[in-house]
N, C-alpha and C. Protein backbone atom coordinates (compact mmCIF):
# COMPACT_ATOMS: atom_id res chain seq x y z
N MET A 1 -10.86 -13.42 -12.13
CA MET A 1 -9.46 -13.06 -12.13
C MET A 1 -9.30 -11.65 -12.71
N ASN A 2 -8.53 -10.85 -12.04
CA ASN A 2 -8.25 -9.49 -12.47
C ASN A 2 -7.30 -9.52 -13.66
N PRO A 3 -7.55 -8.73 -14.69
CA PRO A 3 -6.66 -8.74 -15.86
C PRO A 3 -5.24 -8.27 -15.55
N ASN A 4 -5.04 -7.58 -14.44
CA ASN A 4 -3.72 -7.10 -14.06
C ASN A 4 -2.93 -8.12 -13.23
N ASP A 5 -3.54 -9.23 -12.86
CA ASP A 5 -2.88 -10.21 -12.00
C ASP A 5 -1.59 -10.76 -12.60
N ALA A 6 -1.57 -11.01 -13.90
CA ALA A 6 -0.37 -11.56 -14.54
C ALA A 6 0.79 -10.57 -14.45
N ALA A 7 0.53 -9.31 -14.75
CA ALA A 7 1.58 -8.29 -14.67
C ALA A 7 2.05 -8.11 -13.23
N ARG A 8 1.14 -8.13 -12.30
CA ARG A 8 1.51 -8.00 -10.89
C ARG A 8 2.37 -9.17 -10.43
N GLN A 9 2.05 -10.36 -10.88
CA GLN A 9 2.85 -11.53 -10.54
C GLN A 9 4.26 -11.40 -11.11
N GLN A 10 4.38 -10.91 -12.32
CA GLN A 10 5.69 -10.72 -12.93
C GLN A 10 6.51 -9.68 -12.18
N ILE A 11 5.87 -8.61 -11.75
CA ILE A 11 6.57 -7.57 -10.98
C ILE A 11 7.05 -8.14 -9.65
N LEU A 12 6.18 -8.88 -8.96
CA LEU A 12 6.59 -9.51 -7.70
C LEU A 12 7.74 -10.48 -7.91
N GLN A 13 7.68 -11.26 -8.98
CA GLN A 13 8.75 -12.21 -9.29
C GLN A 13 10.07 -11.48 -9.51
N PHE A 14 10.03 -10.37 -10.23
CA PHE A 14 11.22 -9.56 -10.49
C PHE A 14 11.87 -9.12 -9.18
N PHE A 15 11.06 -8.55 -8.26
CA PHE A 15 11.61 -8.07 -7.00
C PHE A 15 12.06 -9.22 -6.10
N TYR A 16 11.34 -10.33 -6.11
CA TYR A 16 11.74 -11.49 -5.33
C TYR A 16 13.10 -12.00 -5.79
N GLU A 17 13.27 -12.18 -7.09
CA GLU A 17 14.54 -12.69 -7.61
C GLU A 17 15.68 -11.71 -7.37
N ARG A 18 15.40 -10.42 -7.50
CA ARG A 18 16.43 -9.41 -7.25
C ARG A 18 16.87 -9.46 -5.80
N ASN A 19 15.92 -9.58 -4.88
CA ASN A 19 16.25 -9.64 -3.46
C ASN A 19 16.96 -10.94 -3.12
N HIS A 20 16.52 -12.04 -3.69
CA HIS A 20 17.09 -13.35 -3.40
C HIS A 20 18.56 -13.45 -3.83
N SER A 21 18.90 -12.84 -4.96
CA SER A 21 20.27 -12.95 -5.46
C SER A 21 21.17 -11.81 -5.01
N ALA A 22 20.65 -10.89 -4.22
CA ALA A 22 21.43 -9.73 -3.79
C ALA A 22 22.49 -10.13 -2.77
N THR A 23 23.64 -9.46 -2.87
CA THR A 23 24.70 -9.68 -1.89
C THR A 23 24.72 -8.57 -0.84
N SER A 24 24.01 -7.50 -1.11
CA SER A 24 23.88 -6.40 -0.16
C SER A 24 22.63 -5.62 -0.52
N ARG A 25 22.36 -4.59 0.24
CA ARG A 25 21.18 -3.79 -0.08
C ARG A 25 21.46 -2.85 -1.24
N TYR A 26 22.65 -2.27 -1.27
CA TYR A 26 23.04 -1.32 -2.32
C TYR A 26 24.20 -1.89 -3.12
N GLY A 27 24.62 -1.18 -4.11
CA GLY A 27 25.75 -1.61 -4.91
C GLY A 27 25.31 -2.36 -6.16
N LYS A 28 26.30 -2.82 -6.92
CA LYS A 28 26.02 -3.46 -8.20
C LYS A 28 25.16 -4.70 -8.06
N LYS A 29 25.35 -5.48 -7.02
CA LYS A 29 24.57 -6.70 -6.82
C LYS A 29 23.61 -6.56 -5.65
N GLY A 30 23.18 -5.35 -5.38
CA GLY A 30 22.28 -5.11 -4.27
C GLY A 30 20.82 -5.27 -4.65
N SER A 31 19.97 -5.26 -3.64
CA SER A 31 18.53 -5.40 -3.89
C SER A 31 17.86 -4.08 -4.22
N ALA A 32 18.48 -2.96 -3.84
CA ALA A 32 17.89 -1.65 -4.13
C ALA A 32 17.92 -1.40 -5.64
N VAL A 33 16.88 -0.76 -6.14
CA VAL A 33 16.80 -0.47 -7.57
C VAL A 33 16.04 0.84 -7.76
N LYS A 34 16.51 1.65 -8.67
CA LYS A 34 15.80 2.87 -9.02
C LYS A 34 14.54 2.48 -9.79
N LEU A 35 13.50 3.24 -9.63
CA LEU A 35 12.24 2.95 -10.31
C LEU A 35 12.43 2.95 -11.82
N SER A 36 13.22 3.88 -12.34
CA SER A 36 13.45 3.92 -13.78
C SER A 36 14.16 2.65 -14.27
N ASP A 37 15.10 2.13 -13.46
CA ASP A 37 15.79 0.89 -13.82
C ASP A 37 14.85 -0.30 -13.75
N ALA A 38 13.98 -0.32 -12.75
CA ALA A 38 13.02 -1.42 -12.62
C ALA A 38 12.07 -1.42 -13.81
N LYS A 39 11.58 -0.25 -14.21
CA LYS A 39 10.68 -0.17 -15.36
C LYS A 39 11.37 -0.67 -16.62
N ARG A 40 12.64 -0.27 -16.82
CA ARG A 40 13.38 -0.69 -18.00
C ARG A 40 13.58 -2.21 -18.00
N GLU A 41 13.97 -2.77 -16.87
CA GLU A 41 14.20 -4.21 -16.78
C GLU A 41 12.90 -5.01 -16.94
N LEU A 42 11.82 -4.53 -16.36
CA LEU A 42 10.53 -5.21 -16.50
C LEU A 42 10.04 -5.16 -17.94
N LYS A 43 10.29 -4.05 -18.63
CA LYS A 43 9.90 -3.94 -20.03
C LYS A 43 10.69 -4.95 -20.86
N ALA A 44 12.00 -5.03 -20.62
CA ALA A 44 12.84 -5.94 -21.39
C ALA A 44 12.52 -7.40 -21.09
N ARG A 45 12.30 -7.70 -19.83
CA ARG A 45 12.10 -9.10 -19.42
C ARG A 45 10.69 -9.62 -19.68
N PHE A 46 9.68 -8.79 -19.40
CA PHE A 46 8.30 -9.25 -19.49
C PHE A 46 7.46 -8.48 -20.51
N ALA A 47 8.06 -7.54 -21.22
CA ALA A 47 7.35 -6.70 -22.19
C ALA A 47 6.21 -5.91 -21.54
N LEU A 48 6.43 -5.47 -20.31
CA LEU A 48 5.44 -4.63 -19.63
C LEU A 48 5.66 -3.18 -20.02
N THR A 49 4.60 -2.43 -20.17
CA THR A 49 4.72 -1.01 -20.47
C THR A 49 4.97 -0.23 -19.18
N GLN A 50 5.44 1.00 -19.36
CA GLN A 50 5.66 1.87 -18.21
C GLN A 50 4.36 2.09 -17.46
N GLN A 51 3.26 2.24 -18.18
CA GLN A 51 1.96 2.46 -17.55
C GLN A 51 1.53 1.24 -16.74
N GLN A 52 1.78 0.03 -17.24
CA GLN A 52 1.45 -1.17 -16.49
C GLN A 52 2.25 -1.24 -15.19
N VAL A 53 3.53 -0.97 -15.29
CA VAL A 53 4.38 -1.05 -14.10
C VAL A 53 3.93 -0.03 -13.07
N MET A 54 3.73 1.22 -13.48
CA MET A 54 3.34 2.26 -12.53
C MET A 54 1.97 1.97 -11.93
N SER A 55 1.03 1.55 -12.75
CA SER A 55 -0.30 1.25 -12.27
C SER A 55 -0.29 0.10 -11.26
N ASP A 56 0.45 -0.95 -11.57
CA ASP A 56 0.45 -2.12 -10.71
C ASP A 56 1.32 -1.95 -9.46
N LEU A 57 2.28 -1.04 -9.51
CA LEU A 57 3.06 -0.77 -8.30
C LEU A 57 2.26 0.07 -7.30
N THR A 58 1.43 0.95 -7.82
CA THR A 58 0.64 1.79 -6.91
C THR A 58 -0.64 1.06 -6.56
């Protein structure tokens, strides 16, 4: 098992839930998200560092 698998699963879960609850693509309840906002939310929700998020997204 890759040590990054847990962080990658959390990132996928974040985007899945965001897309699932979206009412549109853009706007306050949309699925679109700025990378800086995604990093901030992932840090708050899963305690992921900016480096983990960037590394696992690329």
